[in-house]
């Protein structure tokens, strides 16, 4: 079976977030209370390169920041951070399962599942797609759930034509 799921990323893993911040040349500040111009925010703080004030991952999983309409930081950096984070979290979830992963030249993560299927985690236009191919039976759903739950919340799932062909073949053999 094969399908593609689009996932809304939730910043749940501070270790992976720290790794993404460092990969972007930023600084990890850790848990605390931080000033963002005229407000204070409590949570996991980090400072992105070129930003006037730190960003803070609050307990509600939202990132608080003050970029003063681009004068104190580039909001596009947060999209890049989300991409870096998503790949790091997906890699960690897969490696915890013992699955082999490799980062592709385009930045996508390619995962080799032990049952023969492959999973591609791609960040496209701010959305994270988990694309599962060449799985037999319902193992693609189980494999997808491992990554999807680590990343956040599934927004949509599209079944591929191969899935329907397999279902027809199974029905015909019965």
C-alpha atoms as a PDB file:
ATOM      1  CA  UNK A   1       0.000   0.000   0.000  1.00  0.00           C
ATOM      2  CA  UNK A   2       1.129   3.540  -0.580  1.00  0.00           C
ATOM      3  CA  UNK A   3      -0.038   6.950   0.490  1.00  0.00           C
ATOM      4  CA  UNK A   4       1.112  10.507   1.130  1.00  0.00           C
ATOM      5  CA  UNK A   5       0.237  12.378   4.304  1.00  0.00           C
ATOM      6  CA  UNK A   6       0.672  16.100   4.835  1.00  0.00           C
ATOM      7  CA  UNK A   7       1.588  16.904   8.425  1.00  0.00           C
ATOM      8  CA  UNK A   8       1.325  20.154  10.384  1.00  0.00           C
ATOM      9  CA  UNK A   9       4.603  20.401  12.288  1.00  0.00           C
ATOM     10  CA  UNK A  10       4.400  20.844  16.041  1.00  0.00           C
ATOM     11  CA  UNK A  11       7.580  21.781  17.872  1.00  0.00           C
ATOM     12  CA  UNK A  12       7.470  19.046  20.533  1.00  0.00           C
ATOM     13  CA  UNK A  13      11.083  17.909  20.703  1.00  0.00           C
ATOM     14  CA  UNK A  14      13.392  20.544  22.180  1.00  0.00           C
ATOM     15  CA  UNK A  15      16.487  18.421  21.434  1.00  0.00           C
ATOM     16  CA  UNK A  16      15.682  18.358  17.708  1.00  0.00           C
ATOM     17  CA  UNK A  17      14.756  22.040  17.811  1.00  0.00           C
ATOM     18  CA  UNK A  18      18.127  22.828  19.405  1.00  0.00           C
ATOM     19  CA  UNK A  19      19.878  20.842  16.663  1.00  0.00           C
ATOM     20  CA  UNK A  20      17.994  22.747  13.959  1.00  0.00           C
ATOM     21  CA  UNK A  21      18.841  26.105  15.570  1.00  0.00           C
ATOM     22  CA  UNK A  22      22.529  25.189  15.758  1.00  0.00           C
ATOM     23  CA  UNK A  23      22.494  23.940  12.146  1.00  0.00           C
ATOM     24  CA  UNK A  24      21.301  27.411  11.139  1.00  0.00           C
ATOM     25  CA  UNK A  25      24.126  29.095  13.049  1.00  0.00           C
ATOM     26  CA  UNK A  26      21.878  30.152  15.921  1.00  0.00           C
ATOM     27  CA  UNK A  27      22.334  29.900  19.664  1.00  0.00           C
ATOM     28  CA  UNK A  28      20.324  27.752  22.070  1.00  0.00           C
ATOM     29  CA  UNK A  29      19.358  29.599  25.255  1.00  0.00           C
ATOM     30  CA  UNK A  30      17.306  26.859  26.920  1.00  0.00           C
ATOM     31  CA  UNK A  31      14.378  27.104  29.331  1.00  0.00           C
ATOM     32  CA  UNK A  32      13.770  30.507  30.848  1.00  0.00           C
ATOM     33  CA  UNK A  33      12.040  33.846  30.543  1.00  0.00           C
ATOM     34  CA  UNK A  34      13.062  36.102  27.674  1.00  0.00           C
ATOM     35  CA  UNK A  35      12.404  39.693  26.670  1.00  0.00           C
ATOM     36  CA  UNK A  36      10.991  40.289  23.209  1.00  0.00           C
ATOM     37  CA  UNK A  37      11.112  44.082  22.934  1.00  0.00           C
ATOM     38  CA  UNK A  38       8.192  45.117  25.194  1.00  0.00           C
ATOM     39  CA  UNK A  39       6.952  41.669  26.239  1.00  0.00           C
ATOM     40  CA  UNK A  40       8.345  38.722  28.142  1.00  0.00           C
ATOM     41  CA  UNK A  41       7.864  35.100  27.132  1.00  0.00           C
ATOM     42  CA  UNK A  42       8.563  31.936  29.096  1.00  0.00           C
ATOM     43  CA  UNK A  43       9.702  28.741  27.401  1.00  0.00           C
ATOM     44  CA  UNK A  44      12.558  27.243  25.406  1.00  0.00           C
ATOM     45  CA  UNK A  45      14.575  30.175  24.088  1.00  0.00           C
ATOM     46  CA  UNK A  46      16.869  30.360  21.099  1.00  0.00           C
ATOM     47  CA  UNK A  47      18.497  33.135  19.139  1.00  0.00           C
ATOM     48  CA  UNK A  48      18.621  32.965  15.352  1.00  0.00           C
ATOM     49  CA  UNK A  49      21.495  34.538  13.488  1.00  0.00           C
ATOM     50  CA  UNK A  50      20.698  38.122  12.489  1.00  0.00           C
ATOM     51  CA  UNK A  51      17.785  38.485  14.925  1.00  0.00           C
ATOM     52  CA  UNK A  52      17.569  41.347  17.405  1.00  0.00           C
ATOM     53  CA  UNK A  53      15.590  39.375  19.997  1.00  0.00           C
ATOM     54  CA  UNK A  54      15.351  35.687  20.852  1.00  0.00           C
ATOM     55  CA  UNK A  55      12.525  33.414  19.790  1.00  0.00           C
ATOM     56  CA  UNK A  56      10.726  31.364  22.429  1.00  0.00           C
ATOM     57  CA  UNK A  57       8.953  28.041  22.087  1.00  0.00           C
ATOM     58  CA  UNK A  58       6.080  28.401  24.545  1.00  0.00           C
ATOM     59  CA  UNK A  59       4.345  25.568  26.389  1.00  0.00           C
ATOM     60  CA  UNK A  60       1.479  25.701  23.838  1.00  0.00           C
ATOM     61  CA  UNK A  61       4.049  24.748  21.128  1.00  0.00           C
ATOM     62  CA  UNK A  62       3.787  28.165  19.463  1.00  0.00           C
ATOM     63  CA  UNK A  63       6.924  30.170  18.764  1.00  0.00           C
ATOM     64  CA  UNK A  64       6.835  33.705  20.136  1.00  0.00           C
ATOM     65  CA  UNK A  65       9.036  36.231  18.346  1.00  0.00           C
ATOM     66  CA  UNK A  66       9.291  39.915  17.506  1.00  0.00           C
ATOM     67  CA  UNK A  67      10.715  40.656  14.075  1.00  0.00           C
ATOM     68  CA  UNK A  68       9.282  44.209  13.814  1.00  0.00           C
ATOM     69  CA  UNK A  69       8.040  43.553  10.281  1.00  0.00           C
ATOM     70  CA  UNK A  70      11.412  42.221   9.178  1.00  0.00           C
ATOM     71  CA  UNK A  71      13.582  44.928  10.762  1.00  0.00           C
ATOM     72  CA  UNK A  72      14.690  42.764  13.714  1.00  0.00           C
ATOM     73  CA  UNK A  73      14.712  39.379  11.999  1.00  0.00           C
ATOM     74  CA  UNK A  74      13.624  37.578   8.847  1.00  0.00           C
ATOM     75  CA  UNK A  75      10.414  35.588   9.402  1.00  0.00           C
ATOM     76  CA  UNK A  76      11.487  33.288   6.525  1.00  0.00           C
ATOM     77  CA  UNK A  77      14.160  31.993   8.927  1.00  0.00           C
ATOM     78  CA  UNK A  78      11.337  30.415  10.950  1.00  0.00           C
ATOM     79  CA  UNK A  79      10.193  28.470   7.866  1.00  0.00           C
ATOM     80  CA  UNK A  80      13.759  27.275   7.348  1.00  0.00           C
ATOM     81  CA  UNK A  81      13.882  26.312  11.018  1.00  0.00           C
ATOM     82  CA  UNK A  82      10.650  24.338  10.642  1.00  0.00           C
ATOM     83  CA  UNK A  83      12.141  22.453   7.686  1.00  0.00           C
ATOM     84  CA  UNK A  84      15.359  21.655   9.554  1.00  0.00           C
ATOM     85  CA  UNK A  85      13.370  20.592  12.608  1.00  0.00           C
ATOM     86  CA  UNK A  86      10.997  18.355  10.626  1.00  0.00           C
ATOM     87  CA  UNK A  87      13.857  16.453   9.004  1.00  0.00           C
ATOM     88  CA  UNK A  88      15.669  16.090  12.355  1.00  0.00           C
ATOM     89  CA  UNK A  89      12.544  14.795  14.136  1.00  0.00           C
ATOM     90  CA  UNK A  90      11.698  12.372  11.332  1.00  0.00           C
ATOM     91  CA  UNK A  91      15.272  11.046  11.293  1.00  0.00           C
ATOM     92  CA  UNK A  92      15.242  10.570  15.063  1.00  0.00           C
ATOM     93  CA  UNK A  93      11.889   8.733  14.993  1.00  0.00           C
ATOM     94  CA  UNK A  94      13.074   6.417  12.210  1.00  0.00           C
ATOM     95  CA  UNK A  95      16.465   5.710  13.753  1.00  0.00           C
ATOM     96  CA  UNK A  96      14.720   4.877  17.045  1.00  0.00           C
ATOM     97  CA  UNK A  97      12.912   2.144  15.060  1.00  0.00           C
ATOM     98  CA  UNK A  98      16.206   0.904  13.608  1.00  0.00           C
ATOM     99  CA  UNK A  99      15.368   2.112  10.098  1.00  0.00           C
ATOM    100  CA  UNK A 100      18.129   3.324   7.791  1.00  0.00           C
ATOM    101  CA  UNK A 101      17.903   6.985   6.750  1.00  0.00           C
ATOM    102  CA  UNK A 102      19.824   9.198   4.382  1.00  0.00           C
ATOM    103  CA  UNK A 103      19.464  12.876   3.643  1.00  0.00           C
ATOM    104  CA  UNK A 104      19.184  13.597  -0.059  1.00  0.00           C
ATOM    105  CA  UNK A 105      20.890  16.453  -1.924  1.00  0.00           C
ATOM    106  CA  UNK A 106      17.537  18.266  -2.132  1.00  0.00           C
ATOM    107  CA  UNK A 107      17.239  18.173   1.678  1.00  0.00           C
ATOM    108  CA  UNK A 108      14.578  15.451   1.755  1.00  0.00           C
ATOM    109  CA  UNK A 109      14.982  12.470   4.056  1.00  0.00           C
ATOM    110  CA  UNK A 110      14.837   9.032   2.437  1.00  0.00           C
ATOM    111  CA  UNK A 111      14.026   6.161   4.794  1.00  0.00           C
ATOM    112  CA  UNK A 112      14.476   2.481   3.983  1.00  0.00           C
ATOM    113  CA  UNK A 113      11.894   0.435   5.844  1.00  0.00           C
ATOM    114  CA  UNK A 114      12.921  -3.133   6.783  1.00  0.00           C
ATOM    115  CA  UNK A 115       9.871  -4.571   4.981  1.00  0.00           C
ATOM    116  CA  UNK A 116      11.087  -3.164   1.660  1.00  0.00           C
ATOM    117  CA  UNK A 117       9.118   0.061   1.423  1.00  0.00           C
ATOM    118  CA  UNK A 118      10.591   3.538   1.295  1.00  0.00           C
ATOM    119  CA  UNK A 119       9.488   6.719   2.993  1.00  0.00           C
ATOM    120  CA  UNK A 120      10.376  10.195   1.807  1.00  0.00           C
ATOM    121  CA  UNK A 121       9.973  13.122   4.183  1.00  0.00           C
ATOM    122  CA  UNK A 122       9.904  16.345   2.177  1.00  0.00           C
ATOM    123  CA  UNK A 123       9.288  19.947   3.141  1.00  0.00           C
ATOM    124  CA  UNK A 124       7.601  21.754   0.265  1.00  0.00           C
ATOM    125  CA  UNK A 125       6.311  25.323   0.553  1.00  0.00           C
ATOM    126  CA  UNK A 126       6.201  25.110   4.348  1.00  0.00           C
ATOM    127  CA  UNK A 127       4.282  21.804   4.359  1.00  0.00           C
ATOM    128  CA  UNK A 128       5.744  18.476   5.387  1.00  0.00           C
ATOM    129  CA  UNK A 129       4.785  15.510   3.217  1.00  0.00           C
ATOM    130  CA  UNK A 130       5.414  11.931   4.309  1.00  0.00           C
ATOM    131  CA  UNK A 131       5.364   9.823   1.149  1.00  0.00           C
ATOM    132  CA  UNK A 132       5.242   6.026   1.590  1.00  0.00           C
ATOM    133  CA  UNK A 133       5.927   3.709  -1.372  1.00  0.00           C
ATOM    134  CA  UNK A 134       6.131  -0.011  -2.109  1.00  0.00           C
ATOM    135  CA  UNK A 135       4.735  -1.331   1.157  1.00  0.00           C
ATOM    136  CA  UNK A 136       2.793  -4.573   1.344  1.00  0.00           C
ATOM    137  CA  UNK A 137      -0.472  -4.648   3.230  1.00  0.00           C
ATOM    138  CA  UNK A 138      -1.180  -2.152   5.960  1.00  0.00           C
ATOM    139  CA  UNK A 139       2.434  -1.825   7.126  1.00  0.00           C
ATOM    140  CA  UNK A 140       2.623   1.550   5.372  1.00  0.00           C
ATOM    141  CA  UNK A 141       0.014   2.920   7.767  1.00  0.00           C
ATOM    142  CA  UNK A 142       1.987   1.726  10.789  1.00  0.00           C
ATOM    143  CA  UNK A 143       5.267   3.092   9.388  1.00  0.00           C
ATOM    144  CA  UNK A 144       3.645   6.397   8.496  1.00  0.00           C
ATOM    145  CA  UNK A 145       2.181   6.756  11.975  1.00  0.00           C
ATOM    146  CA  UNK A 146       5.657   6.542  13.530  1.00  0.00           C
ATOM    147  CA  UNK A 147       6.857   9.574  11.599  1.00  0.00           C
ATOM    148  CA  UNK A 148       3.599  11.508  11.482  1.00  0.00           C
ATOM    149  CA  UNK A 149       3.063  11.383  15.246  1.00  0.00           C
ATOM    150  CA  UNK A 150       6.658  12.499  15.872  1.00  0.00           C
ATOM    151  CA  UNK A 151       6.196  15.489  13.554  1.00  0.00           C
ATOM    152  CA  UNK A 152       2.812  16.729  14.690  1.00  0.00           C
ATOM    153  CA  UNK A 153      -0.694  16.348  13.396  1.00  0.00           C
ATOM    154  CA  UNK A 154      -1.770  14.806  10.080  1.00  0.00           C
ATOM    155  CA  UNK A 155      -3.710  17.299   7.982  1.00  0.00           C
ATOM    156  CA  UNK A 156      -4.571  15.165   4.949  1.00  0.00           C
ATOM    157  CA  UNK A 157      -3.862  11.744   3.471  1.00  0.00           C
ATOM    158  CA  UNK A 158      -4.022  10.797  -0.191  1.00  0.00           C
ATOM    159  CA  UNK A 159      -3.951   7.124  -1.163  1.00  0.00           C
ATOM    160  CA  UNK A 160      -1.925   6.307  -4.263  1.00  0.00           C
ATOM    161  CA  UNK A 161      -3.284   4.230  -7.174  1.00  0.00           C
ATOM    162  CA  UNK A 162      -1.015   1.304  -6.193  1.00  0.00           C
ATOM    163  CA  UNK A 163      -3.016   0.938  -3.005  1.00  0.00           C
ATOM    164  CA  UNK A 164      -6.235   0.388  -4.915  1.00  0.00           C
ATOM    165  CA  UNK A 165      -4.572  -2.058  -7.321  1.00  0.00           C
ATOM    166  CA  UNK A 166      -3.306  -4.104  -4.378  1.00  0.00           C
ATOM    167  CA  UNK A 167      -6.770  -4.115  -2.790  1.00  0.00           C
ATOM    168  CA  UNK A 168      -8.283  -5.395  -6.053  1.00  0.00           C
ATOM    169  CA  UNK A 169      -5.611  -8.104  -6.366  1.00  0.00           C
ATOM    170  CA  UNK A 170      -6.272  -9.241  -2.788  1.00  0.00           C
ATOM    171  CA  UNK A 171     -10.033  -9.342  -3.397  1.00  0.00           C
ATOM    172  CA  UNK A 172      -9.586 -11.324  -6.620  1.00  0.00           C
ATOM    173  CA  UNK A 173      -7.369 -13.916  -4.915  1.00  0.00           C
ATOM    174  CA  UNK A 174      -9.955 -14.607  -2.217  1.00  0.00           C
END
